[in-house]
Amino acid sequence: MAIRAEVERKWIWTGATVLGATTILISTLIWTQFIKLPAPGSVPSMWESAQESAADLGPVEGPPVPQQLSMNVKPPSGEAAHAVSRPGHAETTTASSGHAADVPHAAKQVALTFDDGPDTKFTPEILDILKKYQVKATFFVVGTQVSKHPDMLKRILDEGHAIGNHSMTHANFTKLSTERIDREIEETDKLIRQATGTTTPLFRAPYGAAPDILKKHLKALDRPLIGWTVDTRDWSGLSPADMMGIIRKQIKPGGIILMHSFGGKKGDLSNTVTALPQAIEYLKAQGYSLVTVPELAGP
């Protein structure tokens, strides 16, 4: 009798063990086959997700997140990407291919660009430096600043520099209606015409933020959307040494360098004024010709 009881206990224990193992096996199959969890290591980390989110914000010159806008132009030697968008052409990424050694010397051109002006403090200093080094640049001007300093805009043009429309109020175009975008561009065009007697087809979006409605609008007007390939981040108060480090690392033939002639951290762009002669001397020493954006884009 005792033996029989012992046998029964062993069978009960064995059955429970088998049942438990079967339950675990079935649960595992359900979990993996139906819920389909990704394999370990396939889930993006919080850092990776943050990087992807930042990349979706679009190019900027100040907050939001800085990024470059690259557009299609026929590059010198067919290698270096330009930051000029021609209506009807597909946008590309900003990664410039090719190296300076791969491009003929005559094709080693870059464009200096200055945003957000004009003003009567830093714009004249920048113009004086450009005149000293016999360099032409492109100034993307804001309508509210043009209305305050029309004579400075006229000086920019009289000294042989190119100008571009940078909107009326430097608003983030991703948050504007089509009607507001139209006004931002048209009102600035009007002020430029009143100050200089001429107009410009060039347009650069504030913060580099160019939604589809803006691209469609510019395409309908046959106006190029201008971006940049090198962001010096001068607006953030970066030191001249750090700005030069960015230029040395990122510049390639056909490049467009972004700087500012008004604004900056606490309204101070003295770092830009200090770095500009260094940048010009470095670029010339590397065999670059400094040209305006229209000259860079070519016919």
Protein backbone atom coordinates (compact mmCIF):
# COMPACT_ATOMS: atom_id res chain seq x y z
CA MET A 1 0.00 0.00 0.00
CA ALA A 2 2.81 2.33 0.90
CA ILE A 3 4.58 1.43 -2.37
CA ARG A 4 1.43 2.21 -4.37
CA ALA A 5 1.04 5.61 -2.70
CA GLU A 6 4.68 6.44 -3.43
CA VAL A 7 4.26 5.52 -7.10
CA GLU A 8 1.16 7.68 -7.37
CA ARG A 9 3.02 10.66 -5.88
CA LYS A 10 5.84 10.24 -8.41
CA TRP A 11 3.34 10.09 -11.30
CA ILE A 12 1.63 13.25 -10.04
CA TRP A 13 4.98 15.07 -9.73
CA THR A 14 6.05 13.90 -13.20
CA GLY A 15 2.73 15.00 -14.72
CA ALA A 16 2.99 18.42 -13.13
CA THR A 17 6.51 18.84 -14.47
CA VAL A 18 5.49 17.88 -17.99
CA LEU A 19 2.45 20.16 -17.83
CA GLY A 20 4.60 23.05 -16.64
CA ALA A 21 7.14 22.53 -19.40
CA THR A 22 4.39 22.29 -22.00
CA THR A 23 2.85 25.55 -20.75
CA ILE A 24 6.18 27.32 -20.99
CA LEU A 25 6.75 25.97 -24.51
CA ILE A 26 3.31 27.05 -25.71
CA SER A 27 3.71 30.51 -24.13
CA THR A 28 7.06 30.96 -25.82
CA LEU A 29 5.64 29.99 -29.21
CA ILE A 30 2.74 32.40 -28.84
CA TRP A 31 5.06 35.21 -27.69
CA THR A 32 7.53 34.80 -30.54
CA GLN A 33 5.26 33.76 -33.40
CA PHE A 34 2.22 35.95 -32.85
CA ILE A 35 3.47 38.97 -30.92
CA LYS A 36 6.66 38.91 -33.03
CA LEU A 37 9.01 40.78 -30.76
CA PRO A 38 12.12 42.02 -32.61
CA ALA A 39 15.32 40.21 -32.00
CA PRO A 40 17.65 41.67 -29.34
CA GLY A 41 19.70 44.55 -30.74
CA SER A 42 17.16 45.38 -33.48
CA VAL A 43 15.27 47.98 -31.41
CA PRO A 44 16.69 51.49 -31.94
CA SER A 45 18.05 53.07 -28.82
CA MET A 46 16.70 56.36 -27.46
CA TRP A 47 19.79 58.11 -28.87
CA GLU A 48 19.24 56.67 -32.33
CA SER A 49 15.59 57.69 -32.26
CA ALA A 50 16.54 61.20 -31.16
CA GLN A 51 19.01 61.48 -34.02
CA GLU A 52 16.35 60.41 -36.53
CA SER A 53 13.89 62.92 -35.09
CA ALA A 54 16.45 65.71 -35.31
CA ALA A 55 17.23 64.82 -38.90
CA ASP A 56 13.55 65.22 -39.80
CA LEU A 57 13.41 68.81 -38.59
CA GLY A 58 15.07 70.25 -41.68
CA PRO A 59 17.99 72.61 -42.11
CA VAL A 60 18.39 75.59 -39.81
CA GLU A 61 20.74 78.44 -39.13
CA GLY A 62 19.73 78.79 -35.49
CA PRO A 63 17.22 76.99 -33.34
CA PRO A 64 15.63 74.62 -34.42
CA VAL A 65 18.32 72.05 -35.18
CA PRO A 66 20.99 73.15 -37.69
CA GLN A 67 21.20 71.11 -40.82
CA GLN A 68 22.20 71.70 -44.39
CA LEU A 69 20.01 72.07 -47.41
CA SER A 70 21.51 70.68 -50.56
CA MET A 71 20.13 71.29 -53.99
CA ASN A 72 20.86 70.36 -57.56
CA VAL A 73 23.13 72.37 -59.81
CA LYS A 74 25.54 71.07 -62.37
CA PRO A 75 28.72 70.78 -60.30
CA PRO A 76 32.15 71.79 -61.55
CA SER A 77 33.76 68.55 -62.90
CA GLY A 78 30.50 66.70 -62.22
CA GLU A 79 31.44 65.76 -58.68
CA ALA A 80 30.96 68.47 -56.07
CA ALA A 81 27.37 69.04 -54.95
CA HIS A 82 26.09 72.60 -54.97
CA ALA A 83 23.61 74.04 -52.56
CA VAL A 84 21.37 75.59 -55.16
CA SER A 85 17.94 74.24 -55.97
CA ARG A 86 16.67 74.85 -59.45
CA PRO A 87 12.91 74.53 -59.90
CA GLY A 88 12.00 71.23 -61.47
CA HIS A 89 15.07 69.42 -60.15
CA ALA A 90 14.94 66.86 -57.38
CA GLU A 91 16.50 67.75 -54.07
CA THR A 92 19.56 65.81 -53.00
CA THR A 93 21.38 65.28 -49.76
CA THR A 94 24.20 67.59 -48.79
CA ALA A 95 27.03 65.12 -48.85
CA SER A 96 29.45 66.56 -51.37
CA SER A 97 31.27 63.91 -53.33
CA GLY A 98 34.74 64.30 -54.72
CA HIS A 99 37.78 65.93 -53.22
CA ALA A 100 39.70 69.08 -54.05
CA ALA A 101 42.41 67.03 -55.75
CA ASP A 102 39.82 65.52 -58.10
CA VAL A 103 38.61 68.88 -59.39
CA PRO A 104 40.43 71.15 -61.84
CA HIS A 105 41.88 74.27 -60.22
CA ALA A 106 39.58 76.56 -62.19
CA ALA A 107 36.57 74.75 -60.77
CA LYS A 108 37.60 75.28 -57.15
CA GLN A 109 34.95 77.87 -56.38
CA VAL A 110 33.08 78.57 -53.15
CA ALA A 111 30.52 81.18 -52.19
CA LEU A 112 30.39 83.18 -48.97
CA THR A 113 26.84 84.03 -47.91
CA PHE A 114 25.58 86.30 -45.14
CA ASP A 115 22.05 86.11 -43.73
CA ASP A 116 19.59 88.24 -41.80
CA GLY A 117 20.89 91.75 -42.53
CA PRO A 118 21.42 94.41 -43.42
CA ASP A 119 22.29 96.45 -40.36
CA THR A 120 24.59 99.39 -39.68
CA LYS A 121 26.92 97.63 -37.23
CA PHE A 122 28.24 94.34 -38.62
CA THR A 123 27.22 94.61 -42.28
CA PRO A 124 29.56 97.59 -42.91
CA GLU A 125 32.45 95.79 -41.22
CA ILE A 126 31.85 92.71 -43.35
CA LEU A 127 31.65 94.82 -46.50
CA ASP A 128 34.92 96.57 -45.61
CA ILE A 129 36.67 93.20 -45.21
CA LEU A 130 35.28 91.90 -48.50
CA LYS A 131 36.45 95.06 -50.26
CA LYS A 132 39.93 94.76 -48.74
CA TYR A 133 40.30 91.21 -50.03
CA GLN A 134 38.50 91.96 -53.31
CA VAL A 135 35.95 89.23 -52.66
CA LYS A 136 32.31 89.20 -53.75
CA ALA A 137 29.66 87.52 -51.60
CA THR A 138 25.90 86.99 -51.48
CA PHE A 139 23.67 88.64 -48.85
CA PHE A 140 20.29 87.10 -48.06
CA VAL A 141 18.33 89.96 -46.60
CA VAL A 142 15.28 90.15 -44.34
CA GLY A 143 12.53 92.58 -45.27
CA THR A 144 12.22 94.20 -41.85
CA GLN A 145 15.95 94.99 -41.95
CA VAL A 146 15.77 96.30 -45.50
CA SER A 147 13.01 98.69 -44.46
CA LYS A 148 15.27 100.07 -41.70
CA HIS A 149 18.50 100.22 -43.70
CA PRO A 150 17.75 100.60 -47.44
CA ASP A 151 20.98 102.56 -47.98
CA MET A 152 23.05 99.66 -46.65
CA LEU A 153 21.34 97.29 -49.06
CA LYS A 154 22.13 99.70 -51.88
CA ARG A 155 25.78 99.73 -50.78
CA ILE A 156 25.86 95.91 -50.89
CA LEU A 157 24.66 95.97 -54.48
CA ASP A 158 26.81 98.94 -55.52
CA GLU A 159 29.94 97.12 -54.33
CA GLY A 160 29.25 94.21 -56.64
CA HIS A 161 27.72 91.68 -54.27
CA ALA A 162 24.66 89.57 -54.99
CA ILE A 163 21.51 89.72 -52.90
CA GLY A 164 18.78 87.23 -52.12
CA ASN A 165 15.36 87.27 -50.48
CA HIS A 166 15.37 85.80 -46.94
CA SER A 167 11.68 86.54 -46.13
CA MET A 168 10.02 89.51 -44.50
CA THR A 169 10.11 88.51 -40.82
CA HIS A 170 12.43 85.47 -40.71
CA ALA A 171 9.49 83.24 -39.80
CA ASN A 172 9.61 79.44 -39.78
CA PHE A 173 7.91 78.57 -43.08
CA THR A 174 6.90 75.10 -41.89
CA LYS A 175 4.33 76.83 -39.68
CA LEU A 176 2.93 79.25 -42.25
CA SER A 177 -0.02 79.10 -44.60
CA THR A 178 0.43 79.44 -48.36
CA GLU A 179 -0.98 82.97 -48.19
CA ARG A 180 1.47 84.00 -45.46
CA ILE A 181 4.40 82.50 -47.39
CA ASP A 182 3.37 84.52 -50.44
CA ARG A 183 3.30 87.72 -48.38
CA GLU A 184 6.67 87.02 -46.75
CA ILE A 185 8.33 86.72 -50.15
CA GLU A 186 6.40 89.40 -52.05
CA GLU A 187 6.77 92.11 -49.40
CA THR A 188 10.53 91.56 -49.25
CA ASP A 189 10.76 91.65 -53.05
CA LYS A 190 8.94 94.98 -52.98
CA LEU A 191 11.29 96.48 -50.38
CA ILE A 192 14.36 95.28 -52.28
CA ARG A 193 13.01 96.86 -55.47
CA GLN A 194 12.27 100.15 -53.68
CA ALA A 195 15.77 100.29 -52.17
CA THR A 196 17.80 99.22 -55.19
CA GLY A 197 15.63 99.54 -58.28
CA THR A 198 16.15 95.87 -59.02
CA THR A 199 14.96 92.45 -57.91
CA THR A 200 16.51 89.07 -57.19
CA PRO A 201 15.32 85.56 -58.07
CA LEU A 202 17.31 84.00 -55.21
CA PHE A 203 15.48 82.83 -52.11
CA ARG A 204 16.78 81.23 -48.92
CA ALA A 205 14.30 79.92 -46.37
CA PRO A 206 14.71 81.11 -42.77
CA TYR A 207 16.27 78.31 -40.71
CA GLY A 208 16.59 76.42 -43.99
CA ALA A 209 13.07 75.16 -43.30
CA ALA A 210 11.55 74.54 -46.73
CA PRO A 211 8.17 72.77 -46.70
CA ASP A 212 6.65 71.39 -49.88
CA ILE A 213 4.29 74.34 -50.27
CA LEU A 214 7.29 76.68 -50.41
CA LYS A 215 9.09 74.51 -52.95
CA LYS A 216 5.98 74.38 -55.14
CA HIS A 217 5.55 78.13 -54.87
CA LEU A 218 9.16 78.81 -55.89
CA LYS A 219 8.94 76.27 -58.70
CA ALA A 220 5.89 78.05 -60.09
CA LEU A 221 7.84 81.32 -60.03
CA ASP A 222 10.96 79.68 -61.49
CA ARG A 223 13.01 80.86 -58.51
CA PRO A 224 15.95 78.89 -57.08
CA LEU A 225 15.95 77.83 -53.42
CA ILE A 226 19.41 78.42 -51.98
CA GLY A 227 20.83 76.43 -49.09
CA TRP A 228 24.35 75.86 -47.82
CA THR A 229 26.93 73.12 -47.45
CA VAL A 230 28.97 74.63 -44.61
CA ASP A 231 27.27 76.07 -41.52
CA THR A 232 29.82 78.03 -39.48
CA ARG A 233 27.29 78.37 -36.63
CA ASP A 234 28.52 81.91 -36.11
CA TRP A 235 25.08 82.91 -34.82
CA SER A 236 25.63 80.69 -31.75
CA GLY A 237 28.66 82.62 -30.54
CA LEU A 238 31.12 79.98 -31.69
CA SER A 239 34.74 81.13 -31.48
CA PRO A 240 36.58 82.11 -34.68
CA ALA A 241 38.91 79.13 -34.16
CA ASP A 242 35.96 76.74 -34.01
CA MET A 243 34.37 78.36 -37.05
CA MET A 244 37.60 77.89 -38.98
CA GLY A 245 37.70 74.26 -37.87
CA ILE A 246 34.26 73.72 -39.44
CA ILE A 247 35.31 75.39 -42.68
CA ARG A 248 38.53 73.37 -42.97
CA LYS A 249 36.67 70.13 -42.34
CA GLN A 250 33.62 70.66 -44.51
CA ILE A 251 34.60 72.86 -47.45
CA LYS A 252 34.65 71.32 -50.91
CA PRO A 253 34.59 72.80 -54.41
CA GLY A 254 31.15 74.16 -55.18
CA GLY A 255 30.45 74.78 -51.50
CA ILE A 256 28.29 77.51 -50.01
CA ILE A 257 29.35 78.87 -46.61
CA LEU A 258 26.69 80.19 -44.26
CA MET A 259 27.48 83.20 -42.05
CA HIS A 260 25.46 86.16 -40.78
CA SER A 261 25.60 89.95 -41.04
CA PHE A 262 22.99 90.68 -38.37
CA GLY A 263 21.70 88.99 -35.22
CA GLY A 264 23.74 86.38 -33.44
CA LYS A 265 23.86 85.45 -29.79
CA LYS A 266 22.98 88.56 -27.78
CA GLY A 267 23.19 90.52 -31.03
CA ASP A 268 26.95 90.01 -31.23
CA LEU A 269 28.63 88.87 -34.45
CA SER A 270 32.13 90.10 -33.63
CA ASN A 271 33.25 86.46 -33.97
CA THR A 272 32.12 86.55 -37.60
CA VAL A 273 34.03 89.75 -38.26
CA THR A 274 37.16 88.22 -36.71
CA ALA A 275 36.85 84.89 -38.53
CA LEU A 276 36.04 86.31 -41.97
CA PRO A 277 39.58 87.46 -42.92
CA GLN A 278 40.96 84.14 -41.67
CA ALA A 279 38.43 82.23 -43.78
CA ILE A 280 39.20 84.25 -46.91
CA GLU A 281 42.96 83.83 -46.50
CA TYR A 282 42.63 80.11 -45.88
CA LEU A 283 40.35 79.52 -48.86
CA LYS A 284 42.58 81.51 -51.19
CA ALA A 285 45.64 79.63 -49.93
CA GLN A 286 43.86 76.39 -50.79
CA GLY A 287 43.36 77.59 -54.35
CA TYR A 288 39.68 78.52 -54.09
CA SER A 289 38.05 81.37 -55.96
CA LEU A 290 35.39 83.14 -53.93
CA VAL A 291 32.34 83.95 -56.04
CA THR A 292 28.69 84.90 -55.66
CA VAL A 293 25.95 82.28 -55.64
CA PRO A 294 24.80 83.15 -59.20
CA GLU A 295 28.40 82.78 -60.40
CA LEU A 296 28.72 79.47 -58.57
CA ALA A 297 25.51 78.13 -60.07
CA GLY A 298 26.58 79.06 -63.56
CA PRO A 299 24.31 79.58 -66.58
